Amino acid sequence: MISSLHGTVLHSSSDQVVIDVGGVGFSVAVPGDVAHTATVGERLLLHTSLIVREDALSLFGFADRSELEIFGLLISVTGVGPKSALGVLSHLTVDQIAEAVNAEDDAPFRRVSGIGPKTAKLIVVQLAGKVQPVGVAAKVSTAGGSDVVDQVTAALVGLGWSEKVAAEAAAQTAAEATEAERSAVAPLLRRTLALLGPARV
């Protein structure tokens, strides 16, 4: 079992990276945010899951173990394959998945390409009680300012970032910002834009 890879990025596309580890190039399917930040020539650590099929061996990689664990839970759901699970993790953060499941809200999953209404409902039902928010967004929501973070996230999505990338960046910025910056959209948005750099539409 290949549980992680740490090497130099040789190639990056919208949903895949190739990592050179000891002279061997591993092709790894990744969520959109990983592909977005992967830079050719720089080193990258991925937590991976090796999916064995009769006709193929496929690697799926994630930036942290919480995403890898959610991936494992998603592919255990009836009707959810590795590519569909990767699609969910390209559109939703671990916290957003946990919040949707705990609220019994299948709408976020129905917005993912390849996930139909029946499968979305199964995800909510079969993951009930198995997932909890773990990321920065959860910490920010307990500290206040979540409405401002939501508005900044919406603004970033309108500017071309994916909902997942926007939510994570806004939450990270809010966690590091002063109380004054967290209380208004404009200063928090400026700080988040400085963190993200140019959008990749």
N, C-alpha and C. Protein backbone atom coordinates (compact mmCIF):
# COMPACT_ATOMS: atom_id res chain seq x y z
N MET A 1 0.85 -1.21 0.00
CA MET A 1 0.00 0.00 0.00
C MET A 1 0.88 1.25 0.00
N ILE A 2 0.61 2.16 -0.92
CA ILE A 2 1.32 3.44 -0.96
C ILE A 2 0.47 4.44 -0.16
N SER A 3 0.92 4.82 1.03
CA SER A 3 0.11 5.67 1.90
C SER A 3 0.49 7.14 1.83
N SER A 4 1.66 7.45 1.25
CA SER A 4 2.04 8.85 1.06
C SER A 4 3.14 8.94 0.02
N LEU A 5 3.25 10.12 -0.58
CA LEU A 5 4.31 10.41 -1.54
C LEU A 5 4.89 11.78 -1.22
N HIS A 6 6.21 11.91 -1.28
CA HIS A 6 6.86 13.20 -1.05
C HIS A 6 7.95 13.34 -2.10
N GLY A 7 7.73 14.25 -3.03
CA GLY A 7 8.70 14.42 -4.09
C GLY A 7 8.49 15.70 -4.86
N THR A 8 9.15 15.79 -6.01
CA THR A 8 9.12 17.00 -6.83
C THR A 8 8.01 16.91 -7.88
N VAL A 9 7.25 17.98 -8.02
CA VAL A 9 6.17 18.02 -9.00
C VAL A 9 6.77 18.13 -10.41
N LEU A 10 6.45 17.16 -11.26
CA LEU A 10 6.91 17.19 -12.66
C LEU A 10 5.86 17.79 -13.58
N HIS A 11 4.59 17.60 -13.22
CA HIS A 11 3.49 18.07 -14.08
C HIS A 11 2.25 18.29 -13.22
N SER A 12 1.44 19.25 -13.60
CA SER A 12 0.19 19.52 -12.89
C SER A 12 -0.89 19.92 -13.88
N SER A 13 -2.07 19.31 -13.74
CA SER A 13 -3.23 19.70 -14.55
C SER A 13 -4.38 20.01 -13.61
N SER A 14 -5.59 20.11 -14.13
CA SER A 14 -6.73 20.52 -13.30
C SER A 14 -7.11 19.48 -12.26
N ASP A 15 -6.76 18.22 -12.48
CA ASP A 15 -7.17 17.18 -11.53
C ASP A 15 -6.11 16.09 -11.32
N GLN A 16 -4.87 16.40 -11.69
CA GLN A 16 -3.82 15.39 -11.59
C GLN A 16 -2.45 16.03 -11.44
N VAL A 17 -1.57 15.36 -10.69
CA VAL A 17 -0.18 15.78 -10.63
C VAL A 17 0.71 14.56 -10.85
N VAL A 18 1.90 14.82 -11.36
CA VAL A 18 2.91 13.77 -11.48
C VAL A 18 4.06 14.16 -10.56
N ILE A 19 4.39 13.25 -9.62
CA ILE A 19 5.43 13.52 -8.62
C ILE A 19 6.60 12.57 -8.84
N ASP A 20 7.79 13.15 -8.88
CA ASP A 20 9.02 12.37 -9.00
C ASP A 20 9.50 11.99 -7.61
N VAL A 21 9.48 10.69 -7.32
CA VAL A 21 9.98 10.18 -6.04
C VAL A 21 11.10 9.19 -6.34
N GLY A 22 12.33 9.60 -6.08
CA GLY A 22 13.47 8.73 -6.30
C GLY A 22 13.65 8.31 -7.75
N GLY A 23 13.31 9.21 -8.67
CA GLY A 23 13.47 8.91 -10.08
C GLY A 23 12.29 8.23 -10.73
N VAL A 24 11.24 7.95 -9.96
CA VAL A 24 10.03 7.33 -10.50
C VAL A 24 8.90 8.36 -10.47
N GLY A 25 8.22 8.55 -11.59
CA GLY A 25 7.12 9.50 -11.65
C GLY A 25 5.79 8.84 -11.34
N PHE A 26 5.13 9.29 -10.29
CA PHE A 26 3.84 8.76 -9.90
C PHE A 26 2.73 9.72 -10.35
N SER A 27 1.77 9.21 -11.10
CA SER A 27 0.62 10.00 -11.51
C SER A 27 -0.46 9.87 -10.44
N VAL A 28 -0.88 11.00 -9.89
CA VAL A 28 -1.82 10.99 -8.77
C VAL A 28 -3.02 11.88 -9.08
N ALA A 29 -4.23 11.33 -8.97
CA ALA A 29 -5.44 12.13 -9.11
C ALA A 29 -5.64 12.91 -7.81
N VAL A 30 -5.90 14.22 -7.93
CA VAL A 30 -5.98 15.08 -6.74
C VAL A 30 -7.20 16.00 -6.83
N PRO A 31 -7.66 16.52 -5.68
CA PRO A 31 -8.72 17.53 -5.68
C PRO A 31 -8.24 18.81 -6.36
N GLY A 32 -9.19 19.63 -6.76
CA GLY A 32 -8.85 20.86 -7.48
C GLY A 32 -7.94 21.80 -6.73
N ASP A 33 -8.10 21.88 -5.39
CA ASP A 33 -7.27 22.82 -4.64
C ASP A 33 -5.81 22.39 -4.59
N VAL A 34 -5.57 21.07 -4.60
CA VAL A 34 -4.19 20.58 -4.63
C VAL A 34 -3.57 20.88 -5.99
N ALA A 35 -4.32 20.61 -7.05
CA ALA A 35 -3.83 20.92 -8.40
C ALA A 35 -3.57 22.42 -8.56
N HIS A 36 -4.42 23.23 -7.93
CA HIS A 36 -4.32 24.69 -8.00
C HIS A 36 -3.01 25.19 -7.40
N THR A 37 -2.57 24.55 -6.31
CA THR A 37 -1.39 25.02 -5.59
C THR A 37 -0.10 24.29 -5.98
N ALA A 38 -0.22 23.16 -6.67
CA ALA A 38 0.97 22.40 -7.05
C ALA A 38 1.77 23.18 -8.10
N THR A 39 3.06 23.33 -7.85
CA THR A 39 3.94 24.09 -8.75
C THR A 39 5.05 23.19 -9.26
N VAL A 40 5.19 23.14 -10.58
CA VAL A 40 6.23 22.31 -11.19
C VAL A 40 7.61 22.73 -10.65
N GLY A 41 8.40 21.75 -10.23
CA GLY A 41 9.73 22.02 -9.70
C GLY A 41 9.78 22.12 -8.19
N GLU A 42 8.62 22.26 -7.54
CA GLU A 42 8.60 22.35 -6.08
C GLU A 42 8.20 21.01 -5.48
N ARG A 43 8.56 20.82 -4.22
CA ARG A 43 8.26 19.55 -3.55
C ARG A 43 6.84 19.57 -2.98
N LEU A 44 6.25 18.38 -2.97
CA LEU A 44 4.86 18.25 -2.54
C LEU A 44 4.70 16.95 -1.76
N LEU A 45 3.99 17.05 -0.63
CA LEU A 45 3.66 15.87 0.16
C LEU A 45 2.17 15.56 -0.01
N LEU A 46 1.85 14.33 -0.38
CA LEU A 46 0.47 13.91 -0.52
C LEU A 46 0.21 12.66 0.31
N HIS A 47 -0.93 12.65 0.98
CA HIS A 47 -1.41 11.44 1.65
C HIS A 47 -2.26 10.70 0.62
N THR A 48 -1.96 9.45 0.38
CA THR A 48 -2.54 8.78 -0.78
C THR A 48 -3.35 7.53 -0.45
N SER A 49 -4.23 7.21 -1.38
CA SER A 49 -5.00 5.97 -1.33
C SER A 49 -4.80 5.25 -2.66
N LEU A 50 -4.38 3.99 -2.60
CA LEU A 50 -4.18 3.19 -3.80
C LEU A 50 -5.43 2.35 -4.03
N ILE A 51 -6.10 2.61 -5.15
CA ILE A 51 -7.31 1.88 -5.50
C ILE A 51 -6.95 0.80 -6.52
N VAL A 52 -7.19 -0.44 -6.16
CA VAL A 52 -6.84 -1.57 -7.03
C VAL A 52 -8.10 -2.06 -7.75
N ARG A 53 -8.04 -2.04 -9.06
CA ARG A 53 -9.11 -2.58 -9.89
C ARG A 53 -8.54 -3.68 -10.76
N GLU A 54 -9.40 -4.45 -11.36
CA GLU A 54 -8.95 -5.57 -12.19
C GLU A 54 -8.06 -5.12 -13.33
N ASP A 55 -8.34 -3.92 -13.86
CA ASP A 55 -7.61 -3.44 -15.03
C ASP A 55 -6.73 -2.23 -14.76
N ALA A 56 -6.61 -1.82 -13.49
CA ALA A 56 -5.83 -0.61 -13.23
C ALA A 56 -5.47 -0.47 -11.75
N LEU A 57 -4.35 0.23 -11.51
CA LEU A 57 -3.96 0.67 -10.17
C LEU A 57 -4.00 2.20 -10.21
N SER A 58 -4.80 2.81 -9.36
CA SER A 58 -4.96 4.27 -9.39
C SER A 58 -4.62 4.88 -8.04
N LEU A 59 -3.83 5.96 -8.07
CA LEU A 59 -3.47 6.68 -6.86
C LEU A 59 -4.30 7.95 -6.73
N PHE A 60 -4.83 8.19 -5.54
CA PHE A 60 -5.57 9.41 -5.24
C PHE A 60 -4.86 10.08 -4.07
N GLY A 61 -4.54 11.39 -4.22
CA GLY A 61 -3.74 12.06 -3.22
C GLY A 61 -4.42 13.29 -2.63
N PHE A 62 -4.09 13.57 -1.35
CA PHE A 62 -4.74 14.66 -0.62
C PHE A 62 -3.72 15.40 0.24
N ALA A 63 -4.01 16.67 0.49
CA ALA A 63 -3.08 17.53 1.22
C ALA A 63 -2.97 17.16 2.69
N ASP A 64 -4.02 16.62 3.28
CA ASP A 64 -3.95 16.23 4.70
C ASP A 64 -4.73 14.94 4.94
N ARG A 65 -4.50 14.36 6.09
CA ARG A 65 -5.08 13.05 6.39
C ARG A 65 -6.60 13.11 6.59
N SER A 66 -7.11 14.26 7.01
CA SER A 66 -8.56 14.36 7.20
C SER A 66 -9.29 14.19 5.86
N GLU A 67 -8.72 14.74 4.79
CA GLU A 67 -9.33 14.56 3.46
C GLU A 67 -9.22 13.11 3.02
N LEU A 68 -8.09 12.48 3.29
CA LEU A 68 -7.91 11.07 2.95
C LEU A 68 -8.94 10.21 3.68
N GLU A 69 -9.18 10.52 4.95
CA GLU A 69 -10.15 9.75 5.73
C GLU A 69 -11.57 9.94 5.19
N ILE A 70 -11.91 11.18 4.83
CA ILE A 70 -13.23 11.44 4.26
C ILE A 70 -13.38 10.71 2.92
N PHE A 71 -12.31 10.70 2.13
CA PHE A 71 -12.31 9.98 0.85
C PHE A 71 -12.65 8.51 1.08
N GLY A 72 -12.02 7.90 2.09
CA GLY A 72 -12.29 6.51 2.41
C GLY A 72 -13.75 6.29 2.81
N LEU A 73 -14.31 7.22 3.57
CA LEU A 73 -15.71 7.12 3.96
C LEU A 73 -16.64 7.28 2.75
N LEU A 74 -16.30 8.22 1.88
CA LEU A 74 -17.16 8.47 0.72
C LEU A 74 -17.22 7.26 -0.21
N ILE A 75 -16.07 6.61 -0.46
CA ILE A 75 -16.10 5.47 -1.39
C ILE A 75 -16.74 4.24 -0.75
N SER A 76 -17.02 4.31 0.55
CA SER A 76 -17.75 3.21 1.20
C SER A 76 -19.26 3.36 1.01
N VAL A 77 -19.69 4.54 0.52
CA VAL A 77 -21.11 4.79 0.29
C VAL A 77 -21.55 4.12 -1.00
N THR A 78 -22.68 3.47 -0.97
CA THR A 78 -23.22 2.80 -2.15
C THR A 78 -23.36 3.77 -3.31
N GLY A 79 -22.76 3.44 -4.44
CA GLY A 79 -22.90 4.28 -5.63
C GLY A 79 -21.85 5.36 -5.77
N VAL A 80 -20.94 5.49 -4.80
CA VAL A 80 -19.89 6.51 -4.87
C VAL A 80 -18.55 5.83 -5.17
N GLY A 81 -18.00 6.09 -6.36
CA GLY A 81 -16.70 5.57 -6.72
C GLY A 81 -15.60 6.56 -6.40
N PRO A 82 -14.35 6.17 -6.63
CA PRO A 82 -13.23 7.07 -6.32
C PRO A 82 -13.30 8.42 -7.04
N LYS A 83 -13.70 8.42 -8.32
CA LYS A 83 -13.75 9.68 -9.07
C LYS A 83 -14.85 10.59 -8.53
N SER A 84 -15.99 10.01 -8.16
CA SER A 84 -17.07 10.82 -7.58
C SER A 84 -16.66 11.37 -6.22
N ALA A 85 -15.98 10.54 -5.43
CA ALA A 85 -15.51 10.99 -4.11
C ALA A 85 -14.51 12.13 -4.27
N LEU A 86 -13.62 12.00 -5.27
CA LEU A 86 -12.66 13.06 -5.53
C LEU A 86 -13.38 14.34 -5.96
N GLY A 87 -14.45 14.19 -6.74
CA GLY A 87 -15.25 15.35 -7.15
C GLY A 87 -15.85 16.07 -5.96
N VAL A 88 -16.33 15.30 -4.97
CA VAL A 88 -16.89 15.90 -3.76
C VAL A 88 -15.81 16.71 -3.04
N LEU A 89 -14.62 16.12 -2.92
CA LEU A 89 -13.53 16.80 -2.21
C LEU A 89 -12.91 17.93 -3.01
N SER A 90 -13.22 18.02 -4.29
CA SER A 90 -12.78 19.16 -5.09
C SER A 90 -13.71 20.35 -4.89
N HIS A 91 -14.95 20.07 -4.49
CA HIS A 91 -15.95 21.14 -4.35
C HIS A 91 -16.24 21.53 -2.91
N LEU A 92 -15.97 20.61 -1.97
CA LEU A 92 -16.34 20.86 -0.58
C LEU A 92 -15.15 20.57 0.34
N THR A 93 -15.00 21.38 1.37
CA THR A 93 -13.98 21.10 2.39
C THR A 93 -14.48 19.99 3.31
N VAL A 94 -13.59 19.46 4.12
CA VAL A 94 -13.97 18.45 5.10
C VAL A 94 -15.03 19.02 6.04
N ASP A 95 -14.85 20.27 6.45
CA ASP A 95 -15.83 20.90 7.35
C ASP A 95 -17.20 21.04 6.68
N GLN A 96 -17.21 21.45 5.40
CA GLN A 96 -18.48 21.61 4.69
C GLN A 96 -19.19 20.27 4.53
N ILE A 97 -18.43 19.21 4.28
CA ILE A 97 -19.02 17.87 4.19
C ILE A 97 -19.63 17.48 5.52
N ALA A 98 -18.86 17.69 6.61
CA ALA A 98 -19.34 17.32 7.94
C ALA A 98 -20.59 18.12 8.32
N GLU A 99 -20.57 19.40 8.02
CA GLU A 99 -21.72 20.25 8.36
C GLU A 99 -22.96 19.82 7.59
N ALA A 100 -22.80 19.48 6.30
CA ALA A 100 -23.93 19.05 5.48
C ALA A 100 -24.50 17.73 6.00
N VAL A 101 -23.62 16.79 6.33
CA VAL A 101 -24.06 15.50 6.85
C VAL A 101 -24.77 15.67 8.18
N ASN A 102 -24.18 16.45 9.08
CA ASN A 102 -24.77 16.64 10.41
C ASN A 102 -26.10 17.39 10.35
N ALA A 103 -26.27 18.23 9.32
CA ALA A 103 -27.52 18.97 9.15
C ALA A 103 -28.53 18.19 8.30
N GLU A 104 -28.13 17.00 7.85
CA GLU A 104 -28.95 16.16 6.97
C GLU A 104 -29.36 16.93 5.72
N ASP A 105 -28.39 17.67 5.19
CA ASP A 105 -28.61 18.50 4.00
C ASP A 105 -27.84 17.90 2.82
N ASP A 106 -28.57 17.33 1.85
CA ASP A 106 -27.89 16.71 0.72
C ASP A 106 -27.66 17.67 -0.45
N ALA A 107 -28.12 18.91 -0.33
CA ALA A 107 -28.00 19.88 -1.43
C ALA A 107 -26.55 20.11 -1.87
N PRO A 108 -25.59 20.29 -0.94
CA PRO A 108 -24.21 20.51 -1.39
C PRO A 108 -23.67 19.36 -2.24
N PHE A 109 -24.07 18.14 -1.94
CA PHE A 109 -23.59 16.99 -2.70
C PHE A 109 -24.25 16.91 -4.08
N ARG A 110 -25.51 17.34 -4.16
CA ARG A 110 -26.21 17.33 -5.45
C ARG A 110 -25.60 18.31 -6.44
N ARG A 111 -24.88 19.31 -5.93
CA ARG A 111 -24.24 20.29 -6.82
C ARG A 111 -22.93 19.77 -7.40
N VAL A 112 -22.48 18.62 -6.95
CA VAL A 112 -21.24 18.03 -7.47
C VAL A 112 -21.55 17.22 -8.72
N SER A 113 -20.80 17.46 -9.78
CA SER A 113 -21.00 16.74 -11.03
C SER A 113 -20.85 15.23 -10.81
N GLY A 114 -21.83 14.46 -11.29
CA GLY A 114 -21.76 13.01 -11.16
C GLY A 114 -22.47 12.46 -9.93
N ILE A 115 -22.93 13.35 -9.05
CA ILE A 115 -23.67 12.92 -7.85
C ILE A 115 -25.14 13.27 -8.04
N GLY A 116 -25.97 12.25 -8.19
CA GLY A 116 -27.41 12.47 -8.36
C GLY A 116 -28.13 12.58 -7.03
N PRO A 117 -29.43 12.90 -7.06
CA PRO A 117 -30.21 13.08 -5.82
C PRO A 117 -30.19 11.84 -4.91
N LYS A 118 -30.30 10.65 -5.51
CA LYS A 118 -30.33 9.42 -4.70
C LYS A 118 -28.99 9.20 -4.01
N THR A 119 -27.90 9.37 -4.76
CA THR A 119 -26.56 9.18 -4.18
C THR A 119 -26.27 10.23 -3.11
N ALA A 120 -26.69 11.48 -3.36
CA ALA A 120 -26.49 12.55 -2.38
C ALA A 120 -27.18 12.21 -1.06
N LYS A 121 -28.39 11.68 -1.17
CA LYS A 121 -29.13 11.29 0.04
C LYS A 121 -28.42 10.14 0.76
N LEU A 122 -27.89 9.19 -0.02
CA LEU A 122 -27.17 8.06 0.58
C LEU A 122 -25.91 8.53 1.32
N ILE A 123 -25.22 9.52 0.76
CA ILE A 123 -24.02 10.06 1.43
C ILE A 123 -24.39 10.59 2.81
N VAL A 124 -25.46 11.36 2.88
CA VAL A 124 -25.89 11.94 4.15
C VAL A 124 -26.28 10.85 5.14
N VAL A 125 -27.04 9.87 4.66
CA VAL A 125 -27.52 8.81 5.54
C VAL A 125 -26.39 7.92 6.03
N GLN A 126 -25.51 7.49 5.10
CA GLN A 126 -24.48 6.52 5.46
C GLN A 126 -23.28 7.13 6.19
N LEU A 127 -23.11 8.46 6.08
CA LEU A 127 -22.01 9.10 6.82
C LEU A 127 -22.47 9.71 8.14
N ALA A 128 -23.75 9.61 8.43
CA ALA A 128 -24.29 10.18 9.67
C ALA A 128 -23.55 9.63 10.89
N GLY A 129 -23.06 10.53 11.74
CA GLY A 129 -22.36 10.14 12.95
C GLY A 129 -20.90 9.79 12.75
N LYS A 130 -20.42 9.83 11.50
CA LYS A 130 -19.04 9.42 11.22
C LYS A 130 -18.10 10.59 10.97
N VAL A 131 -18.64 11.80 10.75
CA VAL A 131 -17.78 12.93 10.40
C VAL A 131 -18.08 14.12 11.30
N GLN A 132 -17.02 14.87 11.64
CA GLN A 132 -17.14 16.08 12.45
C GLN A 132 -16.25 17.16 11.84
N PRO A 133 -16.65 18.46 11.95
CA PRO A 133 -15.78 19.54 11.46
C PRO A 133 -14.45 19.52 12.19
N VAL A 134 -13.35 19.67 11.43
CA VAL A 134 -12.03 19.60 12.05
C VAL A 134 -11.13 20.77 11.68
N GLY A 135 -11.51 21.55 10.67
CA GLY A 135 -10.59 22.55 10.12
C GLY A 135 -10.69 23.92 10.71
N VAL A 136 -10.02 24.88 10.04
CA VAL A 136 -9.96 26.26 10.50
C VAL A 136 -11.33 26.89 10.53
N ALA A 137 -12.17 26.55 9.58
CA ALA A 137 -13.50 27.16 9.51
C ALA A 137 -14.30 26.91 10.77
N ALA A 138 -14.15 25.71 11.34
CA ALA A 138 -14.88 25.40 12.58
C ALA A 138 -14.41 26.28 13.72
N LYS A 139 -13.09 26.53 13.77
CA LYS A 139 -12.55 27.38 14.83
C LYS A 139 -13.05 28.81 14.69
N VAL A 140 -13.11 29.29 13.45
CA VAL A 140 -13.55 30.66 13.22
C VAL A 140 -15.01 30.83 13.61
N SER A 141 -15.85 29.82 13.28
CA SER A 141 -17.27 29.95 13.55
C SER A 141 -17.54 30.04 15.05
N THR A 142 -16.69 29.39 15.86
CA THR A 142 -16.89 29.48 17.30
C THR A 142 -16.39 30.80 17.85
N ALA A 143 -15.52 31.48 17.10
CA ALA A 143 -14.95 32.74 17.58
C ALA A 143 -15.72 33.95 17.08
N GLY A 144 -16.75 33.72 16.27
CA GLY A 144 -17.52 34.83 15.72
C GLY A 144 -17.00 35.24 14.37
N GLY A 145 -17.76 36.10 13.68
CA GLY A 145 -17.33 36.60 12.38
C GLY A 145 -17.66 35.67 11.23
N SER A 146 -18.45 34.61 11.48
CA SER A 146 -18.72 33.64 10.43
C SER A 146 -19.52 34.27 9.29
N ASP A 147 -20.42 35.22 9.57
CA ASP A 147 -21.18 35.88 8.52
C ASP A 147 -20.25 36.64 7.58
N VAL A 148 -19.26 37.31 8.13
CA VAL A 148 -18.28 38.04 7.32
C VAL A 148 -17.47 37.06 6.47
N VAL A 149 -17.07 35.95 7.08
CA VAL A 149 -16.31 34.93 6.34
C VAL A 149 -17.14 34.39 5.18
N ASP A 150 -18.43 34.16 5.43
CA ASP A 150 -19.32 33.67 4.36
C ASP A 150 -19.41 34.68 3.22
N GLN A 151 -19.49 35.96 3.55
CA GLN A 151 -19.60 36.99 2.52
C GLN A 151 -18.30 37.11 1.73
N VAL A 152 -17.17 36.98 2.41
CA VAL A 152 -15.88 37.02 1.73
C VAL A 152 -15.75 35.80 0.81
N THR A 153 -16.18 34.65 1.29
CA THR A 153 -16.15 33.43 0.47
C THR A 153 -16.98 33.61 -0.79
N ALA A 154 -18.19 34.15 -0.63
CA ALA A 154 -19.07 34.37 -1.78
C ALA A 154 -18.43 35.35 -2.78
N ALA A 155 -17.77 36.37 -2.27
CA ALA A 155 -17.11 37.34 -3.14
C ALA A 155 -15.98 36.68 -3.93
N LEU A 156 -15.22 35.82 -3.28
CA LEU A 156 -14.11 35.14 -3.94
C LEU A 156 -14.60 34.18 -5.01
N VAL A 157 -15.70 33.49 -4.73
CA VAL A 157 -16.29 32.60 -5.74
C VAL A 157 -16.71 33.41 -6.97
N GLY A 158 -17.28 34.59 -6.71
CA GLY A 158 -17.66 35.47 -7.81
C GLY A 158 -16.48 35.95 -8.62
N LEU A 159 -15.30 35.98 -8.00
CA LEU A 159 -14.08 36.42 -8.69
C LEU A 159 -13.35 35.28 -9.39
N GLY A 160 -13.86 34.05 -9.24
CA GLY A 160 -13.28 32.96 -10.01
C GLY A 160 -12.68 31.79 -9.26
N TRP A 161 -12.60 31.89 -7.92
CA TRP A 161 -12.07 30.76 -7.18
C TRP A 161 -13.16 29.74 -6.92
N SER A 162 -12.78 28.46 -6.73
CA SER A 162 -13.76 27.44 -6.37
C SER A 162 -14.24 27.70 -4.95
N GLU A 163 -15.41 27.16 -4.63
CA GLU A 163 -15.99 27.37 -3.30
C GLU A 163 -15.06 26.83 -2.21
N LYS A 164 -14.43 25.69 -2.50
CA LYS A 164 -13.55 25.08 -1.51
C LYS A 164 -12.33 25.95 -1.23
N VAL A 165 -11.64 26.38 -2.29
CA VAL A 165 -10.45 27.22 -2.13
C VAL A 165 -10.82 28.53 -1.44
N ALA A 166 -11.94 29.12 -1.86
CA ALA A 166 -12.37 30.40 -1.28
C ALA A 166 -12.68 30.26 0.20
N ALA A 167 -13.40 29.21 0.57
CA ALA A 167 -13.79 29.01 1.97
C ALA A 167 -12.57 28.78 2.86
N GLU A 168 -11.63 27.97 2.37
CA GLU A 168 -10.44 27.69 3.18
C GLU A 168 -9.58 28.94 3.36
N ALA A 169 -9.43 29.72 2.28
CA ALA A 169 -8.61 30.92 2.36
C ALA A 169 -9.25 31.96 3.28
N ALA A 170 -10.57 32.15 3.15
CA ALA A 170 -11.27 33.12 3.99
C ALA A 170 -11.20 32.72 5.46
N ALA A 171 -11.36 31.43 5.73
CA ALA A 171 -11.30 30.95 7.11
C ALA A 171 -9.90 31.11 7.69
N GLN A 172 -8.89 30.78 6.88
CA GLN A 172 -7.50 30.92 7.35
C GLN A 172 -7.17 32.37 7.65
N THR A 173 -7.58 33.26 6.75
CA THR A 173 -7.31 34.67 6.94
C THR A 173 -8.02 35.20 8.19
N ALA A 174 -9.27 34.78 8.37
CA ALA A 174 -10.04 35.24 9.53
C ALA A 174 -9.40 34.76 10.83
N ALA A 175 -8.86 33.54 10.81
CA ALA A 175 -8.22 33.01 12.02
C ALA A 175 -6.97 33.79 12.39
N GLU A 176 -6.31 34.38 11.39
CA GLU A 176 -5.07 35.12 11.63
C GLU A 176 -5.29 36.63 11.76
N ALA A 177 -6.50 37.09 11.42
CA ALA A 177 -6.77 38.53 11.37
C ALA A 177 -7.06 39.10 12.76
N THR A 178 -7.01 40.42 12.84
CA THR A 178 -7.40 41.09 14.08
C THR A 178 -8.91 41.10 14.19
N GLU A 179 -9.41 41.42 15.37
CA GLU A 179 -10.86 41.45 15.57
C GLU A 179 -11.50 42.49 14.67
N ALA A 180 -10.83 43.61 14.46
CA ALA A 180 -11.36 44.68 13.60
C ALA A 180 -11.47 44.19 12.15
N GLU A 181 -10.45 43.46 11.69
CA GLU A 181 -10.48 42.95 10.31
C GLU A 181 -11.57 41.90 10.12
N ARG A 182 -11.83 41.11 11.16
CA ARG A 182 -12.86 40.07 11.07
C ARG A 182 -14.27 40.63 11.11
N SER A 183 -14.41 41.87 11.54
CA SER A 183 -15.75 42.43 11.73
C SER A 183 -16.32 43.08 10.48
N ALA A 184 -15.52 43.23 9.42
CA ALA A 184 -16.00 43.88 8.20
C ALA A 184 -15.50 43.12 6.97
N VAL A 185 -16.32 43.12 5.93
CA VAL A 185 -16.00 42.35 4.72
C VAL A 185 -14.79 42.90 3.99
N ALA A 186 -14.74 44.22 3.77
CA ALA A 186 -13.70 44.81 2.93
C ALA A 186 -12.27 44.50 3.40
N PRO A 187 -11.93 44.75 4.67
CA PRO A 187 -10.55 44.47 5.09
C PRO A 187 -10.20 42.98 5.05
N LEU A 188 -11.17 42.13 5.39
CA LEU A 188 -10.90 40.70 5.36
C LEU A 188 -10.75 40.21 3.92
N LEU A 189 -11.54 40.76 3.01
CA LEU A 189 -11.44 40.40 1.60
C LEU A 189 -10.09 40.81 1.03
N ARG A 190 -9.63 42.03 1.36
CA ARG A 190 -8.33 42.50 0.88
C ARG A 190 -7.21 41.57 1.37
N ARG A 191 -7.30 41.19 2.64
CA ARG A 191 -6.25 40.34 3.20
C ARG A 191 -6.28 38.95 2.56
N THR A 192 -7.47 38.44 2.30
CA THR A 192 -7.60 37.12 1.68
C THR A 192 -7.11 37.14 0.24
N LEU A 193 -7.40 38.21 -0.48
CA LEU A 193 -6.92 38.33 -1.86
C LEU A 193 -5.40 38.36 -1.90
N ALA A 194 -4.79 39.02 -0.92
CA ALA A 194 -3.33 39.07 -0.86
C ALA A 194 -2.76 37.67 -0.61
N LEU A 195 -3.48 36.85 0.15
CA LEU A 195 -3.04 35.49 0.42
C LEU A 195 -3.16 34.61 -0.83
N LEU A 196 -4.24 34.76 -1.56
CA LEU A 196 -4.51 33.89 -2.71
C LEU A 196 -3.69 34.24 -3.95
N GLY A 197 -3.50 35.53 -4.19
CA GLY A 197 -2.85 35.93 -5.43
C GLY A 197 -3.84 35.89 -6.58
N PRO A 198 -3.35 35.89 -7.84
CA PRO A 198 -4.24 35.92 -9.00
C PRO A 198 -5.15 34.70 -9.06
N ALA A 199 -6.38 34.91 -9.47
CA ALA A 199 -7.34 33.81 -9.59
C ALA A 199 -7.01 32.94 -10.79
N ARG A 200 -7.34 31.64 -10.65
CA ARG A 200 -7.23 30.72 -11.78
C ARG A 200 -8.65 30.25 -12.10
N VAL A 201 -9.24 30.85 -13.11
CA VAL A 201 -10.63 30.52 -13.42
C VAL A 201 -10.66 29.22 -14.22
